[in-house]
N, C-alpha and C. Protein backbone atom coordinates (compact mmCIF):
# COMPACT_ATOMS: atom_id res chain seq x y z
N MET A 1 -1.09 -5.49 -1.50
CA MET A 1 -2.38 -5.63 -0.84
C MET A 1 -3.48 -5.49 -1.88
N SER A 2 -4.64 -5.86 -1.49
CA SER A 2 -5.80 -5.79 -2.38
C SER A 2 -6.00 -4.38 -2.94
N ALA A 3 -6.35 -4.32 -4.20
CA ALA A 3 -6.64 -3.03 -4.83
C ALA A 3 -7.90 -2.40 -4.25
N ALA A 4 -8.65 -3.14 -3.44
CA ALA A 4 -9.84 -2.59 -2.78
C ALA A 4 -9.47 -1.54 -1.73
N LEU A 5 -8.21 -1.52 -1.31
CA LEU A 5 -7.74 -0.50 -0.37
C LEU A 5 -7.35 0.72 -1.20
N SER A 6 -8.13 1.78 -1.09
CA SER A 6 -7.95 2.97 -1.93
C SER A 6 -7.38 4.13 -1.13
N CYS A 7 -6.62 4.97 -1.84
CA CYS A 7 -6.09 6.18 -1.22
C CYS A 7 -7.25 7.16 -1.02
N ARG A 8 -7.35 7.70 0.17
CA ARG A 8 -8.42 8.65 0.50
C ARG A 8 -7.89 10.06 0.70
N SER A 9 -6.58 10.23 0.71
CA SER A 9 -5.96 11.51 1.06
C SER A 9 -5.34 12.18 -0.15
N ALA A 10 -4.81 13.38 0.06
CA ALA A 10 -4.18 14.14 -1.01
C ALA A 10 -2.84 13.54 -1.43
N ASN A 11 -2.23 12.76 -0.56
CA ASN A 11 -0.91 12.20 -0.80
C ASN A 11 -0.98 10.69 -0.64
N ALA A 12 -0.56 9.95 -1.66
CA ALA A 12 -0.61 8.49 -1.59
C ALA A 12 0.75 7.87 -1.30
N ASN A 13 1.80 8.65 -1.30
CA ASN A 13 3.15 8.10 -1.21
C ASN A 13 3.58 7.91 0.23
N LEU A 14 3.88 6.65 0.56
CA LEU A 14 4.38 6.36 1.90
C LEU A 14 5.40 5.24 1.85
N CYS A 15 6.26 5.23 2.84
CA CYS A 15 7.25 4.17 2.98
C CYS A 15 7.68 4.16 4.44
N GLY A 16 7.61 3.00 5.07
CA GLY A 16 8.05 2.90 6.45
C GLY A 16 7.75 1.54 7.03
N PRO A 17 8.23 1.32 8.25
CA PRO A 17 7.99 0.04 8.93
C PRO A 17 6.56 -0.02 9.46
N ALA A 18 6.00 -1.22 9.42
CA ALA A 18 4.63 -1.43 9.87
C ALA A 18 4.53 -1.46 11.38
N LEU A 19 3.57 -0.72 11.89
CA LEU A 19 3.10 -0.85 13.27
C LEU A 19 1.70 -1.43 13.12
N THR A 20 1.52 -2.69 13.49
CA THR A 20 0.29 -3.41 13.19
C THR A 20 -0.74 -3.31 14.31
N VAL A 21 -2.01 -3.34 13.89
CA VAL A 21 -3.15 -3.27 14.81
C VAL A 21 -4.25 -4.20 14.30
N ARG A 22 -4.85 -4.96 15.20
CA ARG A 22 -6.03 -5.75 14.83
C ARG A 22 -7.18 -5.31 15.74
N CYS A 23 -8.27 -4.90 15.13
CA CYS A 23 -9.46 -4.52 15.88
C CYS A 23 -10.68 -4.75 15.01
N ARG A 24 -11.78 -5.10 15.64
CA ARG A 24 -13.01 -5.39 14.90
C ARG A 24 -14.14 -4.49 15.41
N ASP A 25 -14.54 -3.57 14.56
CA ASP A 25 -15.65 -2.66 14.86
C ASP A 25 -15.45 -1.86 16.13
N ASP A 26 -14.22 -1.79 16.60
CA ASP A 26 -13.87 -1.04 17.81
C ASP A 26 -12.49 -0.45 17.56
N PHE A 27 -12.37 0.86 17.69
CA PHE A 27 -11.12 1.51 17.28
C PHE A 27 -10.17 1.87 18.42
N PHE A 28 -10.43 1.39 19.64
CA PHE A 28 -9.55 1.75 20.74
C PHE A 28 -8.13 1.22 20.53
N GLY A 29 -7.99 0.06 19.92
CA GLY A 29 -6.65 -0.47 19.61
C GLY A 29 -5.85 0.48 18.74
N LEU A 30 -6.53 1.16 17.83
CA LEU A 30 -5.85 2.13 16.97
C LEU A 30 -5.43 3.37 17.77
N VAL A 31 -6.23 3.76 18.74
CA VAL A 31 -5.83 4.86 19.64
C VAL A 31 -4.52 4.49 20.33
N LEU A 32 -4.45 3.27 20.88
CA LEU A 32 -3.24 2.82 21.56
C LEU A 32 -2.05 2.78 20.61
N ALA A 33 -2.28 2.33 19.38
CA ALA A 33 -1.18 2.25 18.40
C ALA A 33 -0.67 3.63 18.03
N ILE A 34 -1.57 4.59 17.82
CA ILE A 34 -1.11 5.95 17.49
C ILE A 34 -0.25 6.50 18.61
N GLU A 35 -0.62 6.22 19.83
CA GLU A 35 0.17 6.71 20.97
C GLU A 35 1.52 6.03 21.08
N GLN A 36 1.65 4.83 20.53
CA GLN A 36 2.94 4.10 20.53
C GLN A 36 3.79 4.41 19.31
N ALA A 37 3.19 4.95 18.29
CA ALA A 37 3.86 5.13 17.00
C ALA A 37 5.08 6.03 17.11
N LYS A 38 6.10 5.64 16.35
CA LYS A 38 7.30 6.46 16.22
C LYS A 38 7.25 7.18 14.87
N PRO A 39 7.96 8.28 14.75
CA PRO A 39 8.01 8.96 13.45
C PRO A 39 8.45 7.98 12.35
N GLY A 40 7.71 8.00 11.25
CA GLY A 40 8.04 7.14 10.12
C GLY A 40 7.28 5.83 10.09
N ASP A 41 6.62 5.44 11.19
CA ASP A 41 5.84 4.20 11.21
C ASP A 41 4.64 4.31 10.28
N VAL A 42 4.23 3.17 9.74
CA VAL A 42 2.99 3.06 8.97
C VAL A 42 2.03 2.23 9.80
N LEU A 43 0.90 2.80 10.15
CA LEU A 43 -0.11 2.08 10.91
C LEU A 43 -0.89 1.19 9.95
N VAL A 44 -0.83 -0.12 10.17
CA VAL A 44 -1.50 -1.10 9.33
C VAL A 44 -2.57 -1.75 10.18
N VAL A 45 -3.84 -1.51 9.82
CA VAL A 45 -4.97 -1.91 10.65
C VAL A 45 -5.76 -3.04 10.00
N ASP A 46 -5.79 -4.18 10.67
CA ASP A 46 -6.62 -5.30 10.28
C ASP A 46 -7.98 -5.09 10.92
N GLY A 47 -8.90 -4.55 10.14
CA GLY A 47 -10.26 -4.32 10.62
C GLY A 47 -11.25 -5.31 10.05
N GLY A 48 -10.73 -6.38 9.44
CA GLY A 48 -11.59 -7.42 8.93
C GLY A 48 -12.45 -7.02 7.74
N GLY A 49 -12.12 -5.90 7.10
CA GLY A 49 -12.88 -5.45 5.94
C GLY A 49 -14.23 -4.84 6.27
N SER A 50 -14.44 -4.51 7.52
CA SER A 50 -15.73 -3.99 7.99
C SER A 50 -16.08 -2.65 7.35
N THR A 51 -17.38 -2.38 7.30
CA THR A 51 -17.87 -1.08 6.83
C THR A 51 -17.97 -0.08 7.99
N ILE A 52 -17.59 -0.51 9.19
CA ILE A 52 -17.56 0.38 10.35
C ILE A 52 -16.26 1.19 10.29
N ALA A 53 -16.35 2.50 10.51
CA ALA A 53 -15.16 3.36 10.47
C ALA A 53 -14.32 3.16 11.73
N LEU A 54 -13.05 2.87 11.50
CA LEU A 54 -12.11 2.70 12.61
C LEU A 54 -11.22 3.91 12.81
N ALA A 55 -11.35 4.92 11.95
CA ALA A 55 -10.53 6.13 12.09
C ALA A 55 -11.19 7.25 11.29
N GLY A 56 -10.70 8.47 11.58
CA GLY A 56 -11.23 9.64 10.90
C GLY A 56 -10.27 10.80 11.03
N GLU A 57 -10.81 12.00 10.95
CA GLU A 57 -10.00 13.22 10.96
C GLU A 57 -9.10 13.32 12.18
N LEU A 58 -9.63 13.06 13.36
CA LEU A 58 -8.82 13.20 14.57
C LEU A 58 -7.62 12.27 14.57
N PHE A 59 -7.81 11.06 14.05
CA PHE A 59 -6.70 10.11 14.00
C PHE A 59 -5.65 10.56 12.98
N ALA A 60 -6.10 11.09 11.86
CA ALA A 60 -5.16 11.60 10.86
C ALA A 60 -4.36 12.75 11.44
N ARG A 61 -5.02 13.65 12.13
CA ARG A 61 -4.32 14.79 12.74
C ARG A 61 -3.34 14.31 13.81
N ALA A 62 -3.75 13.36 14.65
CA ALA A 62 -2.86 12.83 15.69
C ALA A 62 -1.65 12.12 15.07
N ALA A 63 -1.89 11.36 14.00
CA ALA A 63 -0.80 10.66 13.32
C ALA A 63 0.18 11.65 12.69
N LEU A 64 -0.35 12.70 12.08
CA LEU A 64 0.52 13.75 11.51
C LEU A 64 1.39 14.37 12.59
N ALA A 65 0.79 14.66 13.74
CA ALA A 65 1.54 15.28 14.84
C ALA A 65 2.65 14.38 15.35
N ARG A 66 2.46 13.06 15.25
CA ARG A 66 3.48 12.11 15.72
C ARG A 66 4.50 11.78 14.63
N GLY A 67 4.30 12.29 13.42
CA GLY A 67 5.23 12.01 12.33
C GLY A 67 5.03 10.65 11.69
N VAL A 68 3.85 10.07 11.84
CA VAL A 68 3.53 8.78 11.23
C VAL A 68 3.58 8.94 9.71
N ALA A 69 4.05 7.90 9.03
CA ALA A 69 4.19 7.95 7.57
C ALA A 69 2.89 7.69 6.84
N GLY A 70 1.92 7.05 7.49
CA GLY A 70 0.64 6.79 6.84
C GLY A 70 -0.21 5.84 7.65
N ILE A 71 -1.48 5.73 7.23
CA ILE A 71 -2.43 4.82 7.87
C ILE A 71 -3.11 4.01 6.78
N ILE A 72 -3.14 2.69 6.98
CA ILE A 72 -3.83 1.77 6.07
C ILE A 72 -4.84 1.00 6.91
N VAL A 73 -6.12 1.13 6.57
CA VAL A 73 -7.19 0.53 7.35
C VAL A 73 -8.00 -0.43 6.48
N ASP A 74 -7.98 -1.71 6.82
CA ASP A 74 -8.81 -2.67 6.11
C ASP A 74 -10.18 -2.70 6.79
N ALA A 75 -10.86 -1.59 6.65
CA ALA A 75 -12.22 -1.34 7.15
C ALA A 75 -12.59 0.03 6.58
N ALA A 76 -13.49 0.74 7.24
CA ALA A 76 -13.89 2.06 6.74
C ALA A 76 -13.11 3.18 7.42
N TYR A 77 -13.03 4.30 6.72
CA TYR A 77 -12.44 5.54 7.23
C TYR A 77 -13.52 6.61 7.09
N ARG A 78 -13.58 7.54 8.01
CA ARG A 78 -14.60 8.59 7.95
C ARG A 78 -13.96 9.96 7.87
N ASP A 79 -14.78 10.99 7.88
CA ASP A 79 -14.33 12.38 7.80
C ASP A 79 -13.54 12.63 6.51
N ILE A 80 -14.04 12.10 5.43
CA ILE A 80 -13.33 12.14 4.15
C ILE A 80 -13.19 13.57 3.62
N ALA A 81 -14.07 14.47 3.97
CA ALA A 81 -13.92 15.86 3.52
C ALA A 81 -12.59 16.42 3.99
N TYR A 82 -12.19 16.12 5.22
CA TYR A 82 -10.87 16.56 5.71
C TYR A 82 -9.77 15.67 5.12
N VAL A 83 -9.95 14.37 5.20
CA VAL A 83 -8.91 13.43 4.79
C VAL A 83 -8.51 13.66 3.33
N ALA A 84 -9.45 14.01 2.47
CA ALA A 84 -9.15 14.22 1.05
C ALA A 84 -8.16 15.36 0.84
N THR A 85 -8.05 16.27 1.80
CA THR A 85 -7.11 17.39 1.68
C THR A 85 -5.85 17.18 2.51
N CYS A 86 -5.79 16.08 3.23
CA CYS A 86 -4.72 15.81 4.18
C CYS A 86 -3.47 15.27 3.48
N GLU A 87 -2.30 15.70 3.90
CA GLU A 87 -1.04 15.22 3.33
C GLU A 87 -0.63 13.85 3.87
N LEU A 88 -1.22 13.43 4.99
CA LEU A 88 -0.92 12.10 5.52
C LEU A 88 -1.54 11.06 4.59
N PRO A 89 -0.74 10.13 4.07
CA PRO A 89 -1.32 9.08 3.23
C PRO A 89 -2.29 8.22 4.05
N VAL A 90 -3.52 8.12 3.58
CA VAL A 90 -4.56 7.32 4.23
C VAL A 90 -5.19 6.42 3.18
N PHE A 91 -5.19 5.12 3.45
CA PHE A 91 -5.82 4.13 2.58
C PHE A 91 -6.88 3.41 3.40
N SER A 92 -8.00 3.07 2.77
CA SER A 92 -9.01 2.26 3.44
C SER A 92 -9.78 1.45 2.41
N ARG A 93 -10.46 0.43 2.92
CA ARG A 93 -11.31 -0.40 2.05
C ARG A 93 -12.64 0.29 1.77
N HIS A 94 -13.16 0.98 2.78
CA HIS A 94 -14.47 1.64 2.65
C HIS A 94 -14.39 3.05 3.23
N THR A 95 -15.41 3.83 2.95
CA THR A 95 -15.63 5.08 3.65
C THR A 95 -17.04 4.99 4.24
N GLY A 96 -17.25 5.69 5.33
CA GLY A 96 -18.58 5.68 5.91
C GLY A 96 -18.60 6.45 7.21
N PRO A 97 -19.78 6.92 7.60
CA PRO A 97 -19.89 7.77 8.78
C PRO A 97 -20.01 7.02 10.09
N MET A 98 -20.34 5.72 10.07
CA MET A 98 -20.61 5.00 11.31
C MET A 98 -19.30 4.58 11.99
N ALA A 99 -19.05 5.18 13.15
CA ALA A 99 -17.83 4.89 13.90
C ALA A 99 -18.01 3.66 14.78
N GLY A 100 -16.91 2.98 15.01
CA GLY A 100 -16.91 1.82 15.90
C GLY A 100 -17.00 2.23 17.35
N THR A 101 -16.96 1.23 18.21
CA THR A 101 -16.98 1.45 19.65
C THR A 101 -15.56 1.63 20.18
N VAL A 102 -15.43 1.85 21.48
CA VAL A 102 -14.11 1.99 22.13
C VAL A 102 -14.10 1.18 23.42
N GLN A 103 -14.48 -0.09 23.32
CA GLN A 103 -14.61 -0.93 24.50
C GLN A 103 -13.61 -2.08 24.55
N ARG A 104 -12.80 -2.27 23.50
CA ARG A 104 -11.86 -3.39 23.46
C ARG A 104 -10.45 -2.89 23.17
N LEU A 105 -9.47 -3.57 23.72
CA LEU A 105 -8.08 -3.15 23.58
C LEU A 105 -7.53 -3.37 22.17
N GLY A 106 -8.04 -4.34 21.46
CA GLY A 106 -7.45 -4.67 20.18
C GLY A 106 -6.11 -5.35 20.41
N VAL A 107 -5.39 -5.60 19.32
CA VAL A 107 -4.08 -6.24 19.39
C VAL A 107 -3.10 -5.34 18.65
N VAL A 108 -2.01 -4.98 19.30
CA VAL A 108 -1.01 -4.10 18.70
C VAL A 108 0.32 -4.84 18.61
N ASN A 109 0.99 -4.68 17.47
CA ASN A 109 2.32 -5.24 17.22
C ASN A 109 2.38 -6.76 17.22
N GLU A 110 1.41 -7.36 16.56
CA GLU A 110 1.42 -8.79 16.27
C GLU A 110 1.08 -8.94 14.79
N PRO A 111 1.43 -10.08 14.16
CA PRO A 111 1.07 -10.25 12.75
C PRO A 111 -0.43 -10.08 12.54
N VAL A 112 -0.79 -9.40 11.45
CA VAL A 112 -2.18 -9.15 11.09
C VAL A 112 -2.36 -9.48 9.61
N THR A 113 -3.61 -9.49 9.18
CA THR A 113 -3.92 -9.61 7.76
C THR A 113 -4.59 -8.32 7.34
N CYS A 114 -4.04 -7.68 6.34
CA CYS A 114 -4.58 -6.43 5.85
C CYS A 114 -4.56 -6.48 4.32
N GLY A 115 -5.71 -6.27 3.72
CA GLY A 115 -5.78 -6.33 2.26
C GLY A 115 -5.39 -7.68 1.71
N GLY A 116 -5.63 -8.75 2.49
CA GLY A 116 -5.32 -10.10 2.05
C GLY A 116 -3.87 -10.51 2.21
N VAL A 117 -3.06 -9.66 2.84
CA VAL A 117 -1.63 -9.93 2.99
C VAL A 117 -1.28 -9.99 4.48
N THR A 118 -0.46 -10.97 4.85
CA THR A 118 0.04 -11.01 6.22
C THR A 118 1.09 -9.93 6.38
N VAL A 119 0.92 -9.11 7.41
CA VAL A 119 1.87 -8.03 7.70
C VAL A 119 2.38 -8.24 9.12
N ARG A 120 3.70 -8.27 9.24
CA ARG A 120 4.33 -8.43 10.55
C ARG A 120 4.86 -7.08 11.01
N PRO A 121 4.91 -6.88 12.32
CA PRO A 121 5.50 -5.63 12.82
C PRO A 121 6.91 -5.45 12.24
N GLY A 122 7.17 -4.27 11.72
CA GLY A 122 8.49 -3.97 11.15
C GLY A 122 8.62 -4.26 9.67
N ASP A 123 7.64 -4.95 9.06
CA ASP A 123 7.69 -5.14 7.61
C ASP A 123 7.73 -3.78 6.94
N LEU A 124 8.38 -3.70 5.80
CA LEU A 124 8.46 -2.45 5.06
C LEU A 124 7.20 -2.29 4.21
N VAL A 125 6.49 -1.18 4.41
CA VAL A 125 5.25 -0.91 3.67
C VAL A 125 5.52 0.27 2.74
N ILE A 126 5.22 0.08 1.46
CA ILE A 126 5.42 1.10 0.44
C ILE A 126 4.10 1.27 -0.31
N ALA A 127 3.69 2.50 -0.53
CA ALA A 127 2.44 2.73 -1.26
C ALA A 127 2.55 3.97 -2.14
N ASP A 128 1.74 3.96 -3.18
CA ASP A 128 1.54 5.13 -4.03
C ASP A 128 0.15 4.99 -4.65
N HIS A 129 -0.15 5.78 -5.66
CA HIS A 129 -1.48 5.73 -6.25
C HIS A 129 -1.79 4.39 -6.92
N GLU A 130 -0.78 3.60 -7.21
CA GLU A 130 -1.03 2.31 -7.84
C GLU A 130 -1.36 1.22 -6.85
N GLY A 131 -1.00 1.39 -5.58
CA GLY A 131 -1.32 0.38 -4.60
C GLY A 131 -0.30 0.29 -3.48
N ILE A 132 -0.42 -0.79 -2.72
CA ILE A 132 0.36 -0.98 -1.50
C ILE A 132 1.13 -2.29 -1.61
N VAL A 133 2.42 -2.24 -1.26
CA VAL A 133 3.29 -3.41 -1.27
C VAL A 133 3.88 -3.58 0.12
N VAL A 134 3.99 -4.83 0.56
CA VAL A 134 4.59 -5.14 1.85
C VAL A 134 5.81 -6.03 1.59
N LEU A 135 6.95 -5.62 2.14
CA LEU A 135 8.19 -6.37 1.93
C LEU A 135 8.78 -6.82 3.26
N ASP A 136 9.34 -8.02 3.24
CA ASP A 136 10.10 -8.52 4.38
C ASP A 136 11.40 -7.73 4.42
N PRO A 137 11.76 -7.14 5.55
CA PRO A 137 12.99 -6.33 5.61
C PRO A 137 14.24 -7.11 5.21
N ALA A 138 14.24 -8.44 5.41
CA ALA A 138 15.41 -9.25 5.08
C ALA A 138 15.65 -9.32 3.57
N THR A 139 14.61 -9.18 2.77
CA THR A 139 14.76 -9.28 1.31
C THR A 139 14.40 -7.99 0.59
N ALA A 140 14.06 -6.96 1.34
CA ALA A 140 13.58 -5.71 0.73
C ALA A 140 14.61 -5.08 -0.19
N GLU A 141 15.86 -5.07 0.21
CA GLU A 141 16.88 -4.40 -0.61
C GLU A 141 16.99 -5.06 -2.00
N ALA A 142 17.02 -6.38 -2.03
CA ALA A 142 17.12 -7.08 -3.32
C ALA A 142 15.86 -6.83 -4.17
N THR A 143 14.71 -6.84 -3.54
CA THR A 143 13.46 -6.61 -4.26
C THR A 143 13.43 -5.19 -4.83
N LEU A 144 13.86 -4.22 -4.04
CA LEU A 144 13.86 -2.83 -4.50
C LEU A 144 14.88 -2.62 -5.62
N ARG A 145 16.03 -3.31 -5.56
CA ARG A 145 17.00 -3.23 -6.65
C ARG A 145 16.41 -3.78 -7.94
N ALA A 146 15.71 -4.90 -7.84
CA ALA A 146 15.09 -5.50 -9.02
C ALA A 146 14.03 -4.55 -9.59
N ALA A 147 13.25 -3.93 -8.72
CA ALA A 147 12.23 -2.98 -9.18
C ALA A 147 12.87 -1.78 -9.87
N ALA A 148 13.99 -1.31 -9.34
CA ALA A 148 14.71 -0.20 -9.98
C ALA A 148 15.20 -0.61 -11.36
N GLY A 149 15.63 -1.86 -11.52
CA GLY A 149 16.06 -2.36 -12.83
C GLY A 149 14.92 -2.36 -13.83
N VAL A 150 13.73 -2.73 -13.38
CA VAL A 150 12.55 -2.70 -14.25
C VAL A 150 12.25 -1.27 -14.68
N LYS A 151 12.31 -0.34 -13.74
CA LYS A 151 12.04 1.07 -14.07
C LYS A 151 13.06 1.60 -15.09
N GLU A 152 14.32 1.20 -14.95
CA GLU A 152 15.36 1.62 -15.90
C GLU A 152 15.06 1.07 -17.30
N ALA A 153 14.67 -0.20 -17.37
CA ALA A 153 14.34 -0.80 -18.66
C ALA A 153 13.13 -0.11 -19.27
N GLU A 154 12.13 0.18 -18.45
CA GLU A 154 10.95 0.88 -18.96
C GLU A 154 11.31 2.28 -19.45
N ALA A 155 12.25 2.93 -18.81
CA ALA A 155 12.68 4.26 -19.26
C ALA A 155 13.31 4.17 -20.65
N ARG A 156 14.05 3.10 -20.93
CA ARG A 156 14.62 2.91 -22.27
C ARG A 156 13.51 2.73 -23.31
N ILE A 157 12.48 1.99 -22.94
CA ILE A 157 11.35 1.79 -23.86
C ILE A 157 10.63 3.12 -24.11
N VAL A 158 10.40 3.87 -23.05
CA VAL A 158 9.74 5.18 -23.19
C VAL A 158 10.54 6.07 -24.13
N ALA A 159 11.85 6.08 -23.97
CA ALA A 159 12.70 6.91 -24.84
C ALA A 159 12.55 6.49 -26.30
N ARG A 160 12.52 5.19 -26.56
CA ARG A 160 12.35 4.70 -27.94
C ARG A 160 10.98 5.08 -28.49
N LEU A 161 9.95 4.90 -27.66
CA LEU A 161 8.59 5.25 -28.10
C LEU A 161 8.47 6.74 -28.36
N ASP A 162 9.06 7.56 -27.48
CA ASP A 162 9.03 9.01 -27.67
C ASP A 162 9.77 9.44 -28.93
N ALA A 163 10.74 8.63 -29.35
CA ALA A 163 11.51 8.94 -30.56
C ALA A 163 10.81 8.39 -31.82
N GLY A 164 9.61 7.85 -31.67
CA GLY A 164 8.87 7.37 -32.83
C GLY A 164 8.92 5.87 -33.02
N GLY A 165 9.56 5.16 -32.12
CA GLY A 165 9.65 3.71 -32.23
C GLY A 165 8.35 3.03 -31.86
N SER A 166 8.36 1.70 -31.97
CA SER A 166 7.19 0.90 -31.63
C SER A 166 7.58 -0.13 -30.58
N LEU A 167 6.60 -0.84 -30.07
CA LEU A 167 6.89 -1.90 -29.11
C LEU A 167 7.76 -2.99 -29.74
N ARG A 168 7.60 -3.22 -31.04
CA ARG A 168 8.44 -4.21 -31.73
C ARG A 168 9.92 -3.82 -31.70
N ASP A 169 10.19 -2.53 -31.59
CA ASP A 169 11.58 -2.07 -31.50
C ASP A 169 12.16 -2.32 -30.11
N CYS A 170 11.31 -2.62 -29.15
CA CYS A 170 11.74 -2.71 -27.76
C CYS A 170 11.56 -4.08 -27.13
N LEU A 171 10.72 -4.90 -27.74
CA LEU A 171 10.38 -6.21 -27.18
C LEU A 171 10.53 -7.29 -28.23
N ASN A 172 10.68 -8.52 -27.82
CA ASN A 172 10.80 -9.65 -28.75
C ASN A 172 9.42 -10.13 -29.19
N VAL A 173 8.63 -9.23 -29.76
CA VAL A 173 7.23 -9.48 -30.08
C VAL A 173 7.08 -10.66 -31.05
N GLU A 174 7.77 -10.64 -32.19
CA GLU A 174 7.60 -11.69 -33.20
C GLU A 174 8.03 -13.05 -32.66
N GLU A 175 9.19 -13.09 -32.03
CA GLU A 175 9.70 -14.36 -31.48
C GLU A 175 8.71 -14.91 -30.45
N HIS A 176 8.24 -14.07 -29.57
CA HIS A 176 7.33 -14.50 -28.51
C HIS A 176 6.01 -15.01 -29.12
N ALA A 177 5.46 -14.29 -30.11
CA ALA A 177 4.22 -14.71 -30.76
C ALA A 177 4.40 -16.06 -31.46
N ALA A 178 5.52 -16.24 -32.14
CA ALA A 178 5.78 -17.48 -32.87
C ALA A 178 5.89 -18.67 -31.90
N ARG A 179 6.58 -18.47 -30.81
CA ARG A 179 6.74 -19.56 -29.83
C ARG A 179 5.40 -19.92 -29.19
N LEU A 180 4.62 -18.89 -28.85
CA LEU A 180 3.30 -19.17 -28.26
C LEU A 180 2.41 -19.90 -29.26
N ALA A 181 2.45 -19.48 -30.54
CA ALA A 181 1.65 -20.13 -31.58
C ALA A 181 2.05 -21.58 -31.77
N ALA A 182 3.33 -21.88 -31.55
CA ALA A 182 3.84 -23.25 -31.68
C ALA A 182 3.62 -24.06 -30.40
N GLY A 183 3.00 -23.45 -29.39
CA GLY A 183 2.75 -24.16 -28.13
C GLY A 183 3.98 -24.29 -27.27
N GLU A 184 5.00 -23.48 -27.54
CA GLU A 184 6.25 -23.55 -26.77
C GLU A 184 6.23 -22.52 -25.65
N PRO A 185 6.94 -22.80 -24.58
CA PRO A 185 7.05 -21.80 -23.53
C PRO A 185 7.85 -20.60 -24.03
N SER A 186 7.45 -19.43 -23.60
CA SER A 186 8.13 -18.22 -24.05
C SER A 186 7.96 -17.13 -23.02
N THR A 187 8.83 -16.15 -23.11
CA THR A 187 8.76 -14.99 -22.22
C THR A 187 8.89 -13.75 -23.09
N LEU A 188 8.00 -12.80 -22.86
CA LEU A 188 8.14 -11.50 -23.52
C LEU A 188 9.28 -10.77 -22.83
N ARG A 189 10.33 -10.41 -23.60
CA ARG A 189 11.52 -9.80 -23.04
C ARG A 189 11.77 -8.41 -23.62
N ILE A 190 12.39 -7.60 -22.84
CA ILE A 190 12.82 -6.27 -23.31
C ILE A 190 14.11 -6.45 -24.09
N THR A 191 14.15 -5.90 -25.30
CA THR A 191 15.35 -6.00 -26.14
C THR A 191 16.03 -4.66 -26.31
N ALA A 192 15.39 -3.59 -25.82
CA ALA A 192 15.95 -2.24 -25.99
C ALA A 192 17.02 -1.98 -24.95
């Protein structure tokens, strides 16, 4: 998702299936979603990027009580003094004190767009301080295995660097530079 969605809470780490909500400047749809949420769900709110707050302290507390894994709001979040100390992962595009209305039902459990990404109910949502990723459950296992392989390769590079090595000891730097200089296609590869 867009890097414009920032962690607002004390804990940024979340992983769980998406429970999707679409609402515009009215947060009643999010009230309904919190009441439907199962433990481990991630509430993903398509708020259209609005500066109107669609959630705050009470929603974070209610989500914690239900065992929700986190809340991601593509709009504003309020009550940041509390949220900043909260263990529930909360991400939002904006912060602000102006709350929305409660006059529309919103849409719950249908595909939404959040942070520029289409999110379907049940998609796997993973987040940390670096950002938010959405995976199709059908391909999530393969994607996560590939990510684990990258982390293992990076650990080998870190070990070499910690032992006094350089990036040239770990990557095909000279070969890659020569091929690029010659106008040839090339890929920077890990050699460690």
